[in-house]
Amino acid sequence: MRRRVLLLVAATTLLVLVAFLVPLAVLVKNVAADRAVQNATVRAQSLTSLVATTPPDALGVTVQQVDAATGYDVTMFLEDGTRFGAEADRSPLVELAWRGRSESAEVSGGREIVFAVGGPGRVVAVIRTFVPDAELTRGVTRAWLLLAGLGVALLVVSLVVADRLARTLVRSTIDLAAVSHRLGGGELSARADVSAPDELGVVARALNGLAGRITDLLREERETIADLSHRVRTPLTTLRMDAESLSSSDAERIVVGVDAVNRAVTDVIQQARRRGADPSGASVDAAEVVRERVAFWSVLAEDTDRELTVDIGPGSLPVPLARVDLEACVDALLGNVFAHTPNGTALAVRLAGRPGGATLVVADAGPGLPGSTTGALRRGASGSGSSGLGLDIVRRAAEHTGGEVRLEPGSPGLTVVVELGALGPR
């Protein structure tokens, strides 16, 4: 932007200078030529009154003095062929003057001026003055250099002023972009400088208003989630007390489930309160989380006569994701299998390390997704009447680690491949 402003100002200034200085330079040249011709004419005309009153010897001396005193060549031709002053031939213009016409014309090397000096009924003498080009352009070069210097000075001044203006505009624009990036990164306290010039100041005020509105909306969201958690925890507490009154085996399983729901609600609240902060430092052992969640869902798999195959690689597989997010991801994948496939459908869970992260695969032998799988990962998209948020949770968790999600239809069934990134800079 700064370079474009400078180019625009430079082009505009040059056009103005050319439109102003070129005619002025031509005028200076013409004025210098007219001044030289006028001086030569005055000197030559001063000799016309001496032709009839001065003896030839004295006239010759006078012409020599005039010729020597000026930068012009002054020559006088008399009727009898005598010539005084500078050496000169009888040019066509001189011959024309013998016919009674005083003229001037451009010739090689300068300008020739002739005067016819008449007597009673005839021309008795011709005075010729030759003004060389050096006299016609005397002072022109210096004047042109001054004009050129003036033009360069004006151009430099305009560029300096334009550069200062462009610096201000560019600096304000960069500041606006930096504030936008900070807001995009979750730093909601970032504010733009409203003292930026003109329209940029208007944009800065609008951006600050938007940041303030986002902050208000997030605060309202957190308050809403806190209210929701308070309402949910009361029936969860009642349900837990009722579960404890059941037989030991059923009570333990239901209490574990209630505790898991209670923990999920707490995690959601904490995540909402952390919103806007940088979560890049979170990490979890994917192998540990997958084992725990598969163990939780294995009870339901046994109750619904589903064959569950588990293959988790040895050792730990750390991934840059919060534990609650990875748990939600695994629960969404397994929950979809139980919700959208008939009882007795086999499923398999595999977790293995790979260069740059880990790969989680959940496959089932069910009917698969109806139609194309292209839009299934889009938030809210569902072909089975559900909320459509399960696969979106999986997709966002994978993309947070720098990975991706792929849906691979089988015959029959569906395989969901989740590529999780590794710890470190992404």
Protein backbone atom coordinates (compact mmCIF):
# COMPACT_ATOMS: atom_id res chain seq x y z
CA MET A 1 0.00 0.00 0.00
CA ARG A 2 2.79 2.40 0.88
CA ARG A 3 4.56 1.75 -2.41
CA ARG A 4 1.34 2.28 -4.34
CA VAL A 5 0.71 5.61 -2.63
CA LEU A 6 4.24 6.76 -3.44
CA LEU A 7 3.91 5.67 -7.07
CA LEU A 8 0.57 7.48 -7.38
CA VAL A 9 1.92 10.69 -5.85
CA ALA A 10 5.10 10.52 -7.95
CA ALA A 11 3.13 10.02 -11.17
CA THR A 12 0.71 12.84 -10.34
CA THR A 13 3.50 15.24 -9.36
CA LEU A 14 5.48 14.45 -12.51
CA LEU A 15 2.45 15.12 -14.69
CA VAL A 16 1.87 18.47 -12.98
CA LEU A 17 5.56 19.40 -13.23
CA VAL A 18 5.72 18.48 -16.91
CA ALA A 19 2.56 20.47 -17.63
CA PHE A 20 4.01 23.47 -15.77
CA LEU A 21 7.75 23.38 -16.44
CA VAL A 22 7.84 22.46 -20.14
CA PRO A 23 5.83 25.53 -21.26
CA LEU A 24 7.83 27.65 -18.85
CA ALA A 25 11.11 26.35 -20.29
CA VAL A 26 9.93 27.16 -23.83
CA LEU A 27 8.89 30.61 -22.66
CA VAL A 28 12.30 31.23 -21.11
CA LYS A 29 14.00 30.27 -24.35
CA ASN A 30 11.75 32.54 -26.42
CA VAL A 31 12.22 35.46 -24.04
CA ALA A 32 16.02 35.07 -24.21
CA ALA A 33 15.95 35.00 -28.03
CA ASP A 34 13.64 38.02 -28.20
CA ARG A 35 15.87 39.93 -25.81
CA ALA A 36 19.00 39.22 -27.89
CA VAL A 37 17.24 40.18 -31.14
CA GLN A 38 15.89 43.36 -29.58
CA ASN A 39 19.33 44.39 -28.34
CA ALA A 40 20.87 43.71 -31.75
CA THR A 41 18.11 45.67 -33.46
CA VAL A 42 18.58 48.67 -31.20
CA ARG A 43 22.35 48.69 -31.81
CA ALA A 44 21.92 48.42 -35.56
CA GLN A 45 19.25 51.10 -35.73
CA SER A 46 21.54 53.48 -33.85
CA LEU A 47 23.81 53.47 -36.92
CA THR A 48 21.14 54.46 -39.43
CA SER A 49 21.25 58.14 -38.46
CA LEU A 50 25.04 58.26 -39.02
CA VAL A 51 25.00 57.15 -42.64
CA ALA A 52 24.07 60.54 -44.10
CA THR A 53 25.93 62.74 -41.59
CA THR A 54 29.24 60.99 -40.98
CA PRO A 55 32.20 60.84 -43.36
CA PRO A 56 33.07 57.34 -44.60
CA ASP A 57 36.27 57.06 -42.52
CA ALA A 58 34.57 58.05 -39.29
CA LEU A 59 31.55 55.88 -40.18
CA GLY A 60 33.80 52.86 -40.60
CA VAL A 61 35.42 53.46 -37.22
CA THR A 62 32.00 53.78 -35.57
CA VAL A 63 30.76 50.54 -37.12
CA GLN A 64 33.94 48.76 -35.97
CA GLN A 65 33.43 50.06 -32.44
CA VAL A 66 29.80 48.88 -32.36
CA ASP A 67 30.80 45.48 -33.72
CA ALA A 68 33.56 45.09 -31.13
CA ALA A 69 31.41 46.28 -28.23
CA THR A 70 28.69 43.68 -28.72
CA GLY A 71 28.53 39.93 -29.08
CA TYR A 72 26.95 40.34 -32.48
CA ASP A 73 28.45 40.68 -35.97
CA VAL A 74 27.55 44.14 -37.29
CA THR A 75 28.27 44.92 -40.95
CA MET A 76 27.40 48.00 -43.05
CA PHE A 77 27.19 47.83 -46.84
CA LEU A 78 27.32 51.18 -48.71
CA GLU A 79 25.89 51.95 -52.11
CA ASP A 80 29.32 52.05 -53.77
CA GLY A 81 30.17 48.54 -52.50
CA THR A 82 32.18 49.63 -49.45
CA ARG A 83 31.83 47.38 -46.41
CA PHE A 84 32.49 48.29 -42.79
CA GLY A 85 32.50 46.13 -39.65
CA ALA A 86 32.49 42.32 -39.47
CA GLU A 87 33.30 40.19 -42.48
CA ALA A 88 30.10 39.12 -44.20
CA ASP A 89 28.92 38.20 -47.67
CA ARG A 90 26.05 39.83 -49.46
CA SER A 91 23.46 37.25 -48.48
CA PRO A 92 20.04 36.95 -50.12
CA LEU A 93 18.59 38.84 -47.16
CA VAL A 94 21.06 41.70 -47.79
CA GLU A 95 20.08 41.77 -51.45
CA LEU A 96 16.47 41.95 -50.35
CA ALA A 97 17.30 44.94 -48.15
CA TRP A 98 18.75 46.79 -51.18
CA ARG A 99 15.23 46.67 -52.53
CA GLY A 100 14.04 48.69 -49.53
CA ARG A 101 12.86 45.91 -47.19
CA SER A 102 14.14 45.44 -43.65
CA GLU A 103 13.83 41.77 -42.60
CA SER A 104 15.13 39.13 -40.21
CA ALA A 105 15.43 35.37 -40.70
CA GLU A 106 16.82 32.22 -39.12
CA VAL A 107 20.07 31.17 -40.79
CA SER A 108 22.68 28.59 -40.05
CA GLY A 109 24.25 29.36 -36.67
CA GLY A 110 21.89 32.13 -35.57
CA ARG A 111 19.59 34.92 -36.77
CA GLU A 112 20.31 37.52 -39.48
CA ILE A 113 18.74 41.00 -39.29
CA VAL A 114 19.03 43.61 -42.06
CA PHE A 115 17.97 47.27 -42.24
CA ALA A 116 17.64 49.33 -45.39
CA VAL A 117 18.87 52.92 -44.95
CA GLY A 118 17.16 55.06 -47.55
CA GLY A 119 18.04 58.32 -49.11
CA PRO A 120 15.91 60.46 -51.42
CA GLY A 121 14.20 57.84 -53.60
CA ARG A 122 16.80 55.10 -53.13
CA VAL A 123 18.66 52.85 -50.61
CA VAL A 124 22.06 54.25 -49.75
CA ALA A 125 23.21 51.62 -47.22
CA VAL A 126 22.29 48.28 -45.66
CA ILE A 127 23.10 47.43 -42.06
CA ARG A 128 23.38 43.69 -41.32
CA THR A 129 23.45 42.24 -37.80
CA PHE A 130 24.06 38.56 -37.13
CA VAL A 131 23.03 37.19 -33.70
CA PRO A 132 24.68 33.80 -33.04
CA ASP A 133 22.91 30.96 -31.28
CA ALA A 134 25.05 31.51 -28.18
CA GLU A 135 23.54 34.98 -27.76
CA LEU A 136 20.03 33.77 -28.58
CA THR A 137 20.26 31.17 -25.79
CA ARG A 138 22.34 33.13 -23.30
CA GLY A 139 21.14 32.29 -19.77
CA VAL A 140 18.67 29.65 -21.00
CA THR A 141 20.72 26.69 -19.76
CA ARG A 142 21.06 28.22 -16.31
CA ALA A 143 17.34 28.99 -16.19
CA TRP A 144 16.52 25.44 -17.29
CA LEU A 145 18.78 24.01 -14.60
CA LEU A 146 17.02 26.15 -12.00
CA LEU A 147 13.64 24.95 -13.25
CA ALA A 148 14.83 21.33 -13.19
CA GLY A 149 16.14 21.78 -9.65
CA LEU A 150 12.83 23.32 -8.64
CA GLY A 151 10.99 20.38 -10.19
CA VAL A 152 13.20 17.83 -8.41
CA ALA A 153 12.77 19.67 -5.12
CA LEU A 154 8.99 19.73 -5.51
CA LEU A 155 8.99 16.02 -6.39
CA VAL A 156 11.12 15.16 -3.34
CA VAL A 157 8.90 17.25 -1.05
CA SER A 158 5.75 15.60 -2.41
CA LEU A 159 7.27 12.13 -1.97
CA VAL A 160 8.36 12.91 1.60
CA VAL A 161 4.87 14.14 2.48
CA ALA A 162 3.28 11.14 0.73
CA ASP A 163 5.65 8.76 2.52
CA ARG A 164 4.72 10.16 5.91
CA LEU A 165 1.03 9.89 5.04
CA ALA A 166 1.49 6.36 3.67
CA ARG A 167 3.43 5.33 6.78
CA THR A 168 0.56 6.54 8.95
CA LEU A 169 -2.02 4.69 6.85
CA VAL A 170 0.04 1.50 6.61
CA ARG A 171 0.88 1.52 10.31
CA SER A 172 -2.78 1.98 11.21
CA THR A 173 -3.80 -0.79 8.79
CA ILE A 174 -1.18 -3.17 10.21
CA ASP A 175 -2.34 -2.34 13.74
CA LEU A 176 -5.93 -3.14 12.74
CA ALA A 177 -4.84 -6.45 11.22
CA ALA A 178 -2.80 -7.31 14.33
CA VAL A 179 -5.77 -6.60 16.59
CA SER A 180 -7.99 -8.73 14.34
CA HIS A 181 -5.53 -11.63 14.57
CA ARG A 182 -5.36 -11.28 18.36
CA LEU A 183 -9.14 -11.34 18.58
CA GLY A 184 -9.19 -14.35 16.27
CA GLY A 185 -6.69 -16.06 18.55
CA GLY A 186 -9.00 -15.60 21.54
CA GLU A 187 -7.44 -12.49 23.11
CA LEU A 188 -10.73 -10.68 23.56
CA SER A 189 -9.13 -7.83 25.52
CA ALA A 190 -7.34 -6.60 22.37
CA ARG A 191 -8.52 -3.20 21.16
CA ALA A 192 -7.66 -1.10 18.10
CA ASP A 193 -6.42 2.50 18.21
CA VAL A 194 -9.43 4.71 17.43
CA SER A 195 -7.13 7.69 16.73
CA ALA A 196 -6.25 6.22 13.34
CA PRO A 197 -6.84 8.65 10.44
CA ASP A 198 -10.28 9.09 8.89
CA GLU A 199 -12.00 5.87 7.74
CA LEU A 200 -9.46 3.67 9.51
CA GLY A 201 -10.57 5.21 12.79
CA VAL A 202 -14.17 4.31 11.91
CA VAL A 203 -13.09 0.71 11.23
CA ALA A 204 -11.15 0.64 14.51
CA ARG A 205 -14.21 1.79 16.47
CA ALA A 206 -16.36 -0.82 14.71
CA LEU A 207 -13.80 -3.54 15.47
CA ASN A 208 -13.69 -2.53 19.13
CA GLY A 209 -17.47 -2.60 19.25
CA LEU A 210 -17.47 -6.07 17.73
CA ALA A 211 -14.90 -7.29 20.27
CA GLY A 212 -17.00 -5.89 23.10
CA ARG A 213 -20.12 -7.56 21.72
CA ILE A 214 -18.31 -10.90 21.43
CA THR A 215 -17.16 -10.57 25.04
CA ASP A 216 -20.73 -9.88 26.17
CA LEU A 217 -22.09 -12.86 24.23
CA LEU A 218 -19.47 -15.19 25.69
CA ARG A 219 -20.25 -13.96 29.19
CA GLU A 220 -23.94 -14.59 28.60
CA GLU A 221 -23.12 -18.06 27.25
CA ARG A 222 -21.04 -18.91 30.31
CA GLU A 223 -23.84 -17.73 32.60
CA THR A 224 -26.36 -19.81 30.66
CA ILE A 225 -24.16 -22.91 30.91
CA ALA A 226 -23.67 -22.33 34.63
CA ASP A 227 -27.44 -22.07 35.11
CA LEU A 228 -27.92 -25.23 33.05
CA SER A 229 -25.36 -27.11 35.12
CA HIS A 230 -27.11 -26.11 38.31
CA ARG A 231 -30.41 -27.42 36.96
CA VAL A 232 -28.88 -30.68 35.71
CA ARG A 233 -26.93 -31.51 38.85
CA THR A 234 -30.04 -31.63 41.05
CA PRO A 235 -31.77 -34.49 39.14
CA LEU A 236 -28.39 -36.21 38.72
CA THR A 237 -27.96 -36.20 42.49
CA THR A 238 -31.45 -37.68 42.93
CA LEU A 239 -30.72 -40.32 40.29
CA ARG A 240 -27.47 -41.26 42.01
CA MET A 241 -29.26 -41.69 45.33
CA ASP A 242 -31.90 -43.88 43.70
CA ALA A 243 -29.18 -45.97 42.00
CA GLU A 244 -27.44 -46.58 45.31
CA SER A 245 -30.64 -48.15 46.63
CA LEU A 246 -30.63 -50.84 43.90
CA SER A 247 -28.79 -54.18 43.98
CA SER A 248 -25.04 -53.89 44.20
CA SER A 249 -24.13 -54.83 40.59
CA ASP A 250 -26.74 -52.60 38.94
CA ALA A 251 -26.15 -49.79 41.40
CA GLU A 252 -22.44 -49.72 40.72
CA ARG A 253 -22.94 -49.56 36.95
CA ILE A 254 -25.58 -46.82 37.15
CA VAL A 255 -23.58 -44.80 39.66
CA VAL A 256 -20.58 -44.95 37.34
CA GLY A 257 -22.76 -43.70 34.51
CA VAL A 258 -24.23 -40.91 36.61
CA ASP A 259 -20.77 -39.88 37.76
CA ALA A 260 -19.61 -39.84 34.14
CA VAL A 261 -22.51 -37.55 33.18
CA ASN A 262 -21.80 -35.33 36.17
CA ARG A 263 -18.12 -35.18 35.22
CA ALA A 264 -19.02 -34.37 31.62
CA VAL A 265 -21.24 -31.49 32.77
CA THR A 266 -18.42 -30.15 34.95
CA ASP A 267 -15.94 -30.43 32.08
CA VAL A 268 -18.30 -28.57 29.75
CA ILE A 269 -18.64 -25.75 32.27
CA GLN A 270 -14.88 -25.51 32.73
CA GLN A 271 -14.32 -25.57 29.00
CA ALA A 272 -16.84 -22.76 28.54
CA ARG A 273 -15.06 -20.71 31.19
CA ARG A 274 -11.74 -21.31 29.46
CA ARG A 275 -13.09 -20.29 26.06
CA GLY A 276 -10.90 -17.68 24.44
CA ALA A 277 -7.73 -18.98 26.12
CA ASP A 278 -5.07 -20.89 24.23
CA PRO A 279 -5.56 -24.66 24.81
CA SER A 280 -2.47 -25.67 22.89
CA GLY A 281 -0.67 -26.92 26.02
CA ALA A 282 -3.20 -29.72 26.73
CA SER A 283 -2.18 -33.35 26.15
CA VAL A 284 -3.46 -36.81 26.98
CA ASP A 285 -2.48 -40.46 26.55
CA ALA A 286 -4.78 -41.64 23.78
CA ALA A 287 -4.20 -45.33 24.60
CA GLU A 288 -5.33 -44.86 28.22
CA VAL A 289 -8.45 -42.89 27.27
CA VAL A 290 -9.51 -45.33 24.53
CA ARG A 291 -9.07 -48.30 26.87
CA GLU A 292 -11.23 -46.66 29.55
CA ARG A 293 -14.00 -45.68 27.17
CA VAL A 294 -14.03 -49.04 25.41
CA ALA A 295 -14.26 -50.74 28.80
CA PHE A 296 -17.24 -48.53 29.64
CA TRP A 297 -19.04 -49.31 26.37
CA SER A 298 -18.15 -53.02 26.47
CA VAL A 299 -20.86 -53.61 29.08
CA LEU A 300 -23.51 -52.26 26.69
CA ALA A 301 -21.98 -54.26 23.84
CA GLU A 302 -22.37 -57.43 25.90
CA ASP A 303 -25.98 -56.56 26.77
CA THR A 304 -26.85 -56.02 23.07
CA ASP A 305 -25.05 -59.15 21.84
CA ARG A 306 -22.41 -57.25 19.88
CA GLU A 307 -19.01 -58.71 19.20
CA LEU A 308 -16.47 -56.07 20.20
CA THR A 309 -12.91 -56.36 18.89
CA VAL A 310 -10.29 -54.13 20.52
CA ASP A 311 -6.76 -53.61 19.21
CA ILE A 312 -4.72 -50.96 21.04
CA GLY A 313 -1.01 -50.72 20.46
CA PRO A 314 1.39 -51.13 23.37
CA GLY A 315 2.76 -48.18 25.31
CA SER A 316 1.42 -44.66 25.54
CA LEU A 317 0.33 -42.52 22.60
CA PRO A 318 0.28 -38.85 23.70
CA VAL A 319 -1.78 -36.49 21.56
CA PRO A 320 -2.24 -32.68 21.89
CA LEU A 321 -5.85 -32.80 23.10
CA ALA A 322 -7.64 -32.32 26.40
CA ARG A 323 -8.80 -35.52 28.06
CA VAL A 324 -12.45 -34.49 28.06
CA ASP A 325 -12.30 -33.76 24.32
CA LEU A 326 -10.78 -37.14 23.46
CA GLU A 327 -13.31 -38.89 25.69
CA ALA A 328 -16.12 -37.04 23.93
CA CYS A 329 -14.63 -38.04 20.57
CA VAL A 330 -14.48 -41.78 21.46
CA ASP A 331 -17.94 -41.69 23.06
CA ALA A 332 -19.40 -40.02 19.95
CA LEU A 333 -17.93 -42.70 17.66
CA LEU A 334 -19.07 -45.64 19.81
CA GLY A 335 -22.39 -44.02 20.63
CA ASN A 336 -23.16 -43.67 16.92
CA VAL A 337 -22.56 -47.39 16.43
CA PHE A 338 -24.94 -48.35 19.24
CA ALA A 339 -27.54 -45.77 18.21
CA HIS A 340 -27.64 -46.42 14.45
CA THR A 341 -26.95 -50.14 14.06
CA PRO A 342 -29.21 -53.04 15.13
CA ASN A 343 -28.42 -55.18 18.15
CA GLY A 344 -25.95 -57.95 17.38
CA THR A 345 -23.90 -55.82 14.95
CA ALA A 346 -20.19 -56.42 15.41
CA LEU A 347 -17.81 -53.52 15.87
CA ALA A 348 -14.06 -53.06 16.16
CA VAL A 349 -11.88 -50.40 17.75
CA ARG A 350 -8.24 -50.04 16.75
CA LEU A 351 -5.65 -47.53 17.95
CA ALA A 352 -2.13 -47.48 16.59
CA GLY A 353 0.74 -45.06 16.46
CA ARG A 354 1.90 -43.55 13.18
CA PRO A 355 4.61 -41.12 12.12
CA GLY A 356 3.37 -37.75 13.35
CA GLY A 357 0.59 -38.95 15.66
CA ALA A 358 -1.92 -41.77 16.18
CA THR A 359 -4.74 -43.35 14.21
CA LEU A 360 -8.07 -44.29 15.81
CA VAL A 361 -10.35 -46.56 13.76
CA VAL A 362 -13.93 -47.50 14.66
CA ALA A 363 -15.56 -49.94 12.25
CA ASP A 364 -18.95 -51.67 12.32
CA ALA A 365 -20.80 -54.19 10.17
CA GLY A 366 -24.05 -52.26 10.16
CA PRO A 367 -26.04 -50.75 7.28
CA GLY A 368 -23.70 -47.75 6.95
CA LEU A 369 -24.71 -44.18 6.17
CA PRO A 370 -27.66 -43.57 3.86
CA GLY A 371 -26.60 -41.92 0.60
CA SER A 372 -23.25 -40.17 0.21
CA THR A 373 -20.79 -39.66 3.08
CA THR A 374 -19.63 -36.29 1.68
CA GLY A 375 -21.68 -34.04 4.01
CA ALA A 376 -21.82 -36.35 7.03
CA LEU A 377 -18.99 -34.47 8.80
CA ARG A 378 -20.78 -31.14 8.46
CA ARG A 379 -22.15 -29.81 11.73
CA GLY A 380 -25.86 -30.57 12.10
CA ALA A 381 -25.92 -32.94 9.11
CA SER A 382 -27.66 -36.23 9.89
CA GLY A 383 -29.42 -38.76 7.78
CA SER A 384 -30.93 -40.65 10.67
CA GLY A 385 -32.88 -38.01 12.57
CA SER A 386 -30.19 -37.29 15.18
CA SER A 387 -28.67 -33.93 16.09
CA GLY A 388 -25.80 -34.41 13.70
CA LEU A 389 -23.26 -33.24 16.29
CA GLY A 390 -21.45 -36.54 16.97
CA LEU A 391 -19.22 -36.65 13.90
CA ASP A 392 -18.75 -32.88 14.14
CA ILE A 393 -17.29 -33.37 17.64
CA VAL A 394 -14.94 -35.98 16.19
CA ARG A 395 -13.94 -33.74 13.29
CA ARG A 396 -13.18 -30.73 15.50
CA ALA A 397 -11.12 -32.85 17.90
CA ALA A 398 -9.04 -34.26 15.03
CA GLU A 399 -8.53 -30.86 13.36
CA HIS A 400 -7.44 -29.35 16.69
CA THR A 401 -4.48 -31.77 16.71
CA GLY A 402 -3.70 -31.06 13.06
CA GLY A 403 -5.30 -34.29 11.84
CA GLU A 404 -8.41 -35.22 9.90
CA VAL A 405 -11.38 -37.62 9.76
CA ARG A 406 -12.24 -39.99 6.90
CA LEU A 407 -15.39 -42.02 6.35
CA GLU A 408 -14.82 -45.26 4.43
CA PRO A 409 -18.02 -47.11 3.48
CA GLY A 410 -17.74 -50.90 3.54
CA SER A 411 -19.82 -53.82 2.27
CA PRO A 412 -21.53 -53.77 4.66
CA GLY A 413 -20.77 -51.29 7.40
CA LEU A 414 -18.86 -48.06 7.90
CA THR A 415 -15.29 -47.36 8.99
CA VAL A 416 -14.40 -44.04 10.63
CA VAL A 417 -10.68 -43.23 10.53
CA VAL A 418 -9.52 -40.46 12.88
CA GLU A 419 -5.99 -39.16 12.32
CA LEU A 420 -4.68 -37.48 15.47
CA GLY A 421 -1.58 -35.26 15.40
CA ALA A 422 1.38 -35.62 17.71
CA LEU A 423 2.65 -33.32 20.45
CA GLY A 424 4.88 -30.44 19.37
CA PRO A 425 4.56 -27.46 16.97
CA ARG A 426 1.98 -27.96 14.25
